[in-house]
Amino acid sequence: MITLNYRDARPIYEQVRDGLRRLIISGAIADGEKLPSVRALATQLAINPNTIQKAYGELERQGVIYSLAGRGNFISPDIARLADTHREELLAAIVGDIRAAAEYGVPRAAVSETVEKAMKHYGGDADDSD
């Protein structure tokens, strides 16, 4: 489900793009599955179809979806690889933030506590030791 926040500083098309990407990467929409038409999603979200088209265009440029003329937009078969790459980028960003925290003298216990709280709050399995 895509939710729009009109108080968010990000443009609506970015919220749609990010919402779709989140659904796709999480597996809520399977690879190869057809996305709703531009018109149908615009109607569902009560926004201009051009906004949906712009979001779909960005997702296609990123390799998350592909389009077939006259048939619609579909989830890329490479989505598992893209999801892995995205996760690696997120983890690298976390490492960078931890490095910055260490450089500013933030105690290790405070960093650990913050990570644990965030994982619990956002539904992540903080006890996963993969």
N, C-alpha and C. Protein backbone atom coordinates (compact mmCIF):
# COMPACT_ATOMS: atom_id res chain seq x y z
N MET A 1 0.84 -1.19 0.00
CA MET A 1 0.00 0.00 0.00
C MET A 1 0.88 1.24 0.00
N ILE A 2 0.58 2.13 -0.86
CA ILE A 2 1.31 3.39 -0.96
C ILE A 2 0.51 4.45 -0.23
N THR A 3 1.18 5.14 0.68
CA THR A 3 0.51 6.25 1.36
C THR A 3 1.26 7.54 1.01
N LEU A 4 0.52 8.57 0.78
CA LEU A 4 1.09 9.86 0.44
C LEU A 4 0.96 10.80 1.63
N ASN A 5 2.00 11.57 1.85
CA ASN A 5 2.01 12.54 2.94
C ASN A 5 2.19 13.91 2.30
N TYR A 6 1.12 14.69 2.29
CA TYR A 6 1.17 15.99 1.64
C TYR A 6 1.98 17.02 2.43
N ARG A 7 2.40 16.66 3.63
CA ARG A 7 3.27 17.55 4.41
C ARG A 7 4.74 17.21 4.22
N ASP A 8 5.00 16.09 3.55
CA ASP A 8 6.36 15.66 3.25
C ASP A 8 6.98 16.66 2.27
N ALA A 9 8.24 16.98 2.47
CA ALA A 9 8.92 17.92 1.58
C ALA A 9 9.20 17.31 0.21
N ARG A 10 9.20 15.98 0.14
CA ARG A 10 9.47 15.32 -1.15
C ARG A 10 8.27 15.46 -2.08
N PRO A 11 8.54 15.61 -3.38
CA PRO A 11 7.43 15.66 -4.34
C PRO A 11 6.63 14.36 -4.31
N ILE A 12 5.38 14.43 -4.73
CA ILE A 12 4.48 13.28 -4.71
C ILE A 12 5.04 12.13 -5.57
N TYR A 13 5.62 12.45 -6.74
CA TYR A 13 6.11 11.37 -7.59
C TYR A 13 7.23 10.59 -6.89
N GLU A 14 8.05 11.27 -6.08
CA GLU A 14 9.11 10.59 -5.34
C GLU A 14 8.51 9.69 -4.26
N GLN A 15 7.44 10.15 -3.62
CA GLN A 15 6.78 9.31 -2.62
C GLN A 15 6.17 8.07 -3.28
N VAL A 16 5.58 8.24 -4.46
CA VAL A 16 5.02 7.10 -5.19
C VAL A 16 6.14 6.16 -5.60
N ARG A 17 7.21 6.71 -6.17
CA ARG A 17 8.36 5.90 -6.59
C ARG A 17 8.93 5.11 -5.43
N ASP A 18 9.16 5.79 -4.30
CA ASP A 18 9.74 5.13 -3.14
C ASP A 18 8.79 4.09 -2.55
N GLY A 19 7.50 4.40 -2.55
CA GLY A 19 6.51 3.44 -2.05
C GLY A 19 6.46 2.19 -2.90
N LEU A 20 6.48 2.36 -4.21
CA LEU A 20 6.50 1.20 -5.10
C LEU A 20 7.79 0.41 -4.94
N ARG A 21 8.92 1.11 -4.88
CA ARG A 21 10.20 0.43 -4.73
C ARG A 21 10.22 -0.38 -3.44
N ARG A 22 9.68 0.18 -2.38
CA ARG A 22 9.63 -0.52 -1.09
C ARG A 22 8.78 -1.79 -1.21
N LEU A 23 7.63 -1.69 -1.85
CA LEU A 23 6.76 -2.85 -2.05
C LEU A 23 7.44 -3.93 -2.90
N ILE A 24 8.15 -3.48 -3.91
CA ILE A 24 8.82 -4.42 -4.82
C ILE A 24 9.99 -5.10 -4.12
N ILE A 25 10.85 -4.32 -3.48
CA ILE A 25 12.04 -4.89 -2.84
C ILE A 25 11.66 -5.78 -1.67
N SER A 26 10.59 -5.46 -0.98
CA SER A 26 10.16 -6.29 0.16
C SER A 26 9.51 -7.59 -0.30
N GLY A 27 9.20 -7.68 -1.59
CA GLY A 27 8.58 -8.90 -2.11
C GLY A 27 7.06 -8.86 -2.09
N ALA A 28 6.48 -7.74 -1.67
CA ALA A 28 5.02 -7.62 -1.65
C ALA A 28 4.45 -7.67 -3.07
N ILE A 29 5.27 -7.26 -4.03
CA ILE A 29 4.93 -7.39 -5.45
C ILE A 29 6.04 -8.26 -6.04
N ALA A 30 5.69 -9.38 -6.64
CA ALA A 30 6.66 -10.36 -7.12
C ALA A 30 7.29 -9.94 -8.45
N ASP A 31 8.50 -10.46 -8.72
CA ASP A 31 9.14 -10.16 -9.99
C ASP A 31 8.30 -10.75 -11.13
N GLY A 32 8.24 -9.99 -12.22
CA GLY A 32 7.44 -10.38 -13.36
C GLY A 32 5.98 -9.97 -13.26
N GLU A 33 5.54 -9.56 -12.07
CA GLU A 33 4.15 -9.17 -11.87
C GLU A 33 3.87 -7.83 -12.55
N LYS A 34 2.66 -7.70 -13.07
CA LYS A 34 2.25 -6.47 -13.73
C LYS A 34 1.82 -5.44 -12.69
N LEU A 35 2.29 -4.22 -12.89
CA LEU A 35 1.88 -3.11 -12.03
C LEU A 35 0.54 -2.58 -12.50
N PRO A 36 -0.17 -1.89 -11.61
CA PRO A 36 -1.43 -1.26 -12.04
C PRO A 36 -1.15 -0.27 -13.17
N SER A 37 -2.11 -0.06 -14.03
CA SER A 37 -1.93 0.93 -15.10
C SER A 37 -1.75 2.30 -14.46
N VAL A 38 -1.17 3.20 -15.23
CA VAL A 38 -0.97 4.57 -14.76
C VAL A 38 -2.30 5.17 -14.33
N ARG A 39 -3.30 5.00 -15.16
CA ARG A 39 -4.62 5.58 -14.88
C ARG A 39 -5.23 4.96 -13.62
N ALA A 40 -5.12 3.63 -13.48
CA ALA A 40 -5.72 2.95 -12.32
C ALA A 40 -5.05 3.38 -11.03
N LEU A 41 -3.72 3.46 -11.02
CA LEU A 41 -3.02 3.86 -9.79
C LEU A 41 -3.28 5.34 -9.48
N ALA A 42 -3.35 6.16 -10.52
CA ALA A 42 -3.66 7.58 -10.30
C ALA A 42 -5.03 7.73 -9.69
N THR A 43 -5.99 6.96 -10.15
CA THR A 43 -7.35 7.00 -9.60
C THR A 43 -7.35 6.53 -8.16
N GLN A 44 -6.64 5.42 -7.90
CA GLN A 44 -6.58 4.87 -6.55
C GLN A 44 -5.98 5.86 -5.56
N LEU A 45 -4.92 6.57 -5.99
CA LEU A 45 -4.25 7.52 -5.09
C LEU A 45 -4.83 8.94 -5.20
N ALA A 46 -5.77 9.13 -6.09
CA ALA A 46 -6.39 10.43 -6.32
C ALA A 46 -5.37 11.51 -6.66
N ILE A 47 -4.49 11.17 -7.62
CA ILE A 47 -3.49 12.14 -8.09
C ILE A 47 -3.45 12.12 -9.62
N ASN A 48 -2.74 13.06 -10.18
CA ASN A 48 -2.63 13.21 -11.62
C ASN A 48 -1.87 12.03 -12.23
N PRO A 49 -2.36 11.47 -13.34
CA PRO A 49 -1.67 10.36 -14.00
C PRO A 49 -0.23 10.69 -14.41
N ASN A 50 0.05 11.97 -14.71
CA ASN A 50 1.43 12.35 -15.07
C ASN A 50 2.39 12.10 -13.92
N THR A 51 1.89 12.22 -12.69
CA THR A 51 2.72 11.96 -11.51
C THR A 51 3.10 10.49 -11.45
N ILE A 52 2.15 9.61 -11.73
CA ILE A 52 2.42 8.17 -11.75
C ILE A 52 3.38 7.85 -12.89
N GLN A 53 3.16 8.45 -14.05
CA GLN A 53 4.02 8.20 -15.20
C GLN A 53 5.47 8.59 -14.88
N LYS A 54 5.64 9.69 -14.19
CA LYS A 54 6.99 10.14 -13.83
C LYS A 54 7.64 9.14 -12.86
N ALA A 55 6.88 8.66 -11.88
CA ALA A 55 7.40 7.67 -10.93
C ALA A 55 7.77 6.38 -11.66
N TYR A 56 6.89 5.91 -12.56
CA TYR A 56 7.17 4.70 -13.33
C TYR A 56 8.42 4.90 -14.20
N GLY A 57 8.55 6.07 -14.79
CA GLY A 57 9.72 6.36 -15.62
C GLY A 57 11.02 6.26 -14.84
N GLU A 58 11.02 6.80 -13.63
CA GLU A 58 12.23 6.73 -12.80
C GLU A 58 12.54 5.29 -12.40
N LEU A 59 11.49 4.53 -12.04
CA LEU A 59 11.70 3.13 -11.68
C LEU A 59 12.24 2.34 -12.87
N GLU A 60 11.79 2.68 -14.06
CA GLU A 60 12.30 1.99 -15.24
C GLU A 60 13.76 2.35 -15.49
N ARG A 61 14.12 3.61 -15.34
CA ARG A 61 15.52 4.03 -15.50
C ARG A 61 16.43 3.35 -14.48
N GLN A 62 15.89 3.08 -13.30
CA GLN A 62 16.66 2.42 -12.24
C GLN A 62 16.72 0.90 -12.41
N GLY A 63 15.96 0.38 -13.38
CA GLY A 63 15.97 -1.06 -13.62
C GLY A 63 15.05 -1.86 -12.72
N VAL A 64 14.20 -1.17 -11.98
CA VAL A 64 13.28 -1.84 -11.06
C VAL A 64 12.08 -2.42 -11.81
N ILE A 65 11.64 -1.70 -12.85
CA ILE A 65 10.52 -2.17 -13.67
C ILE A 65 10.91 -2.06 -15.13
N TYR A 66 10.12 -2.68 -15.99
CA TYR A 66 10.26 -2.51 -17.43
C TYR A 66 8.87 -2.39 -18.03
N SER A 67 8.80 -1.78 -19.20
CA SER A 67 7.50 -1.62 -19.83
C SER A 67 7.48 -2.34 -21.16
N LEU A 68 6.31 -2.84 -21.49
CA LEU A 68 6.06 -3.45 -22.79
C LEU A 68 4.95 -2.64 -23.45
N ALA A 69 5.24 -2.12 -24.63
CA ALA A 69 4.29 -1.26 -25.33
C ALA A 69 2.94 -1.96 -25.46
N GLY A 70 1.91 -1.29 -25.02
CA GLY A 70 0.55 -1.80 -25.12
C GLY A 70 0.17 -2.85 -24.09
N ARG A 71 1.13 -3.28 -23.27
CA ARG A 71 0.85 -4.32 -22.28
C ARG A 71 0.96 -3.81 -20.85
N GLY A 72 1.81 -2.81 -20.61
CA GLY A 72 1.92 -2.26 -19.27
C GLY A 72 3.32 -2.31 -18.71
N ASN A 73 3.40 -2.12 -17.40
CA ASN A 73 4.67 -2.09 -16.67
C ASN A 73 4.76 -3.33 -15.78
N PHE A 74 5.96 -3.91 -15.75
CA PHE A 74 6.18 -5.15 -15.03
C PHE A 74 7.42 -5.04 -14.14
N ILE A 75 7.44 -5.85 -13.08
CA ILE A 75 8.58 -5.89 -12.17
C ILE A 75 9.73 -6.60 -12.88
N SER A 76 10.91 -6.02 -12.76
CA SER A 76 12.10 -6.57 -13.40
C SER A 76 12.43 -7.96 -12.86
N PRO A 77 12.86 -8.87 -13.73
CA PRO A 77 13.29 -10.19 -13.25
C PRO A 77 14.58 -10.11 -12.44
N ASP A 78 15.30 -8.99 -12.53
CA ASP A 78 16.55 -8.80 -11.78
C ASP A 78 16.32 -8.18 -10.41
N ILE A 79 15.08 -8.17 -9.95
CA ILE A 79 14.76 -7.45 -8.72
C ILE A 79 15.50 -8.01 -7.51
N ALA A 80 15.73 -9.30 -7.45
CA ALA A 80 16.45 -9.88 -6.32
C ALA A 80 17.87 -9.31 -6.25
N ARG A 81 18.53 -9.20 -7.39
CA ARG A 81 19.88 -8.62 -7.44
C ARG A 81 19.84 -7.15 -7.05
N LEU A 82 18.85 -6.43 -7.56
CA LEU A 82 18.71 -5.01 -7.22
C LEU A 82 18.43 -4.83 -5.73
N ALA A 83 17.62 -5.71 -5.16
CA ALA A 83 17.31 -5.63 -3.73
C ALA A 83 18.56 -5.87 -2.90
N ASP A 84 19.38 -6.87 -3.30
CA ASP A 84 20.63 -7.14 -2.59
C ASP A 84 21.56 -5.93 -2.66
N THR A 85 21.66 -5.32 -3.83
CA THR A 85 22.51 -4.13 -4.00
C THR A 85 22.01 -3.00 -3.12
N HIS A 86 20.70 -2.82 -3.07
CA HIS A 86 20.11 -1.75 -2.24
C HIS A 86 20.42 -1.99 -0.76
N ARG A 87 20.29 -3.24 -0.32
CA ARG A 87 20.59 -3.57 1.09
C ARG A 87 22.05 -3.30 1.41
N GLU A 88 22.94 -3.66 0.48
CA GLU A 88 24.37 -3.41 0.69
C GLU A 88 24.65 -1.91 0.81
N GLU A 89 23.98 -1.11 -0.03
CA GLU A 89 24.15 0.34 0.03
C GLU A 89 23.65 0.89 1.37
N LEU A 90 22.52 0.36 1.85
CA LEU A 90 21.99 0.80 3.14
C LEU A 90 22.95 0.47 4.28
N LEU A 91 23.49 -0.75 4.25
CA LEU A 91 24.44 -1.15 5.30
C LEU A 91 25.71 -0.31 5.24
N ALA A 92 26.17 0.01 4.04
CA ALA A 92 27.35 0.86 3.90
C ALA A 92 27.08 2.26 4.47
N ALA A 93 25.87 2.76 4.26
CA ALA A 93 25.50 4.07 4.81
C ALA A 93 25.49 4.02 6.33
N ILE A 94 25.00 2.92 6.89
CA ILE A 94 24.99 2.77 8.36
C ILE A 94 26.41 2.76 8.89
N VAL A 95 27.30 2.03 8.22
CA VAL A 95 28.70 1.98 8.65
C VAL A 95 29.30 3.39 8.61
N GLY A 96 29.00 4.14 7.56
CA GLY A 96 29.50 5.51 7.47
C GLY A 96 29.00 6.38 8.62
N ASP A 97 27.73 6.21 8.97
CA ASP A 97 27.17 6.98 10.09
C ASP A 97 27.80 6.57 11.42
N ILE A 98 28.06 5.29 11.58
CA ILE A 98 28.71 4.82 12.82
C ILE A 98 30.13 5.38 12.90
N ARG A 99 30.84 5.40 11.77
CA ARG A 99 32.19 5.98 11.74
C ARG A 99 32.13 7.45 12.14
N ALA A 100 31.16 8.18 11.61
CA ALA A 100 31.02 9.60 11.95
C ALA A 100 30.71 9.76 13.43
N ALA A 101 29.84 8.90 13.96
CA ALA A 101 29.52 8.97 15.38
C ALA A 101 30.77 8.73 16.23
N ALA A 102 31.59 7.77 15.83
CA ALA A 102 32.83 7.49 16.57
C ALA A 102 33.77 8.69 16.51
N GLU A 103 33.86 9.32 15.34
CA GLU A 103 34.73 10.49 15.18
C GLU A 103 34.28 11.65 16.05
N TYR A 104 32.97 11.73 16.32
CA TYR A 104 32.44 12.79 17.17
C TYR A 104 32.37 12.38 18.63
N GLY A 105 32.91 11.21 18.94
CA GLY A 105 33.00 10.78 20.33
C GLY A 105 31.73 10.21 20.92
N VAL A 106 30.79 9.79 20.09
CA VAL A 106 29.58 9.17 20.61
C VAL A 106 29.95 7.80 21.18
N PRO A 107 29.59 7.54 22.42
CA PRO A 107 29.97 6.27 23.04
C PRO A 107 29.36 5.06 22.32
N ARG A 108 30.12 3.97 22.27
CA ARG A 108 29.69 2.74 21.62
C ARG A 108 28.34 2.27 22.16
N ALA A 109 28.15 2.36 23.48
CA ALA A 109 26.90 1.91 24.09
C ALA A 109 25.71 2.73 23.56
N ALA A 110 25.92 4.02 23.35
CA ALA A 110 24.84 4.88 22.85
C ALA A 110 24.49 4.50 21.41
N VAL A 111 25.50 4.19 20.61
CA VAL A 111 25.25 3.78 19.22
C VAL A 111 24.49 2.46 19.22
N SER A 112 24.94 1.50 20.01
CA SER A 112 24.28 0.19 20.07
C SER A 112 22.84 0.32 20.53
N GLU A 113 22.63 1.12 21.55
CA GLU A 113 21.27 1.31 22.08
C GLU A 113 20.37 1.96 21.03
N THR A 114 20.90 2.93 20.31
CA THR A 114 20.12 3.61 19.28
C THR A 114 19.75 2.66 18.15
N VAL A 115 20.71 1.83 17.75
CA VAL A 115 20.43 0.85 16.69
C VAL A 115 19.38 -0.15 17.16
N GLU A 116 19.50 -0.66 18.36
CA GLU A 116 18.52 -1.62 18.90
C GLU A 116 17.12 -1.00 18.96
N LYS A 117 17.02 0.23 19.45
CA LYS A 117 15.72 0.90 19.53
C LYS A 117 15.12 1.09 18.14
N ALA A 118 15.96 1.51 17.20
CA ALA A 118 15.47 1.73 15.84
C ALA A 118 14.99 0.43 15.21
N MET A 119 15.72 -0.65 15.41
CA MET A 119 15.32 -1.94 14.84
C MET A 119 14.01 -2.42 15.45
N LYS A 120 13.84 -2.22 16.74
CA LYS A 120 12.58 -2.61 17.37
C LYS A 120 11.43 -1.74 16.88
N HIS A 121 11.68 -0.45 16.76
CA HIS A 121 10.63 0.49 16.33
C HIS A 121 10.19 0.23 14.90
N TYR A 122 11.14 -0.03 14.02
CA TYR A 122 10.82 -0.18 12.59
C TYR A 122 10.58 -1.63 12.17
N GLY A 123 10.51 -2.54 13.14
CA GLY A 123 10.14 -3.90 12.82
C GLY A 123 11.26 -4.81 12.39
N GLY A 124 12.48 -4.35 12.43
CA GLY A 124 13.61 -5.20 12.06
C GLY A 124 13.90 -6.19 13.17
N ASP A 125 14.45 -7.32 12.82
CA ASP A 125 14.81 -8.34 13.81
C ASP A 125 16.20 -8.02 14.33
N ALA A 126 16.27 -7.31 15.43
CA ALA A 126 17.55 -6.88 16.00
C ALA A 126 18.36 -8.06 16.50
N ASP A 127 17.72 -9.22 16.73
CA ASP A 127 18.45 -10.38 17.23
C ASP A 127 18.92 -11.30 16.11
N ASP A 128 18.70 -10.92 14.85
CA ASP A 128 19.11 -11.74 13.70
C ASP A 128 20.63 -11.70 13.59
N SER A 129 21.25 -12.84 13.67
CA SER A 129 22.72 -12.88 13.61
C SER A 129 23.17 -13.61 12.38
N ASP A 130 22.85 -13.08 11.24
CA ASP A 130 23.19 -13.73 9.98
C ASP A 130 24.61 -13.63 9.71
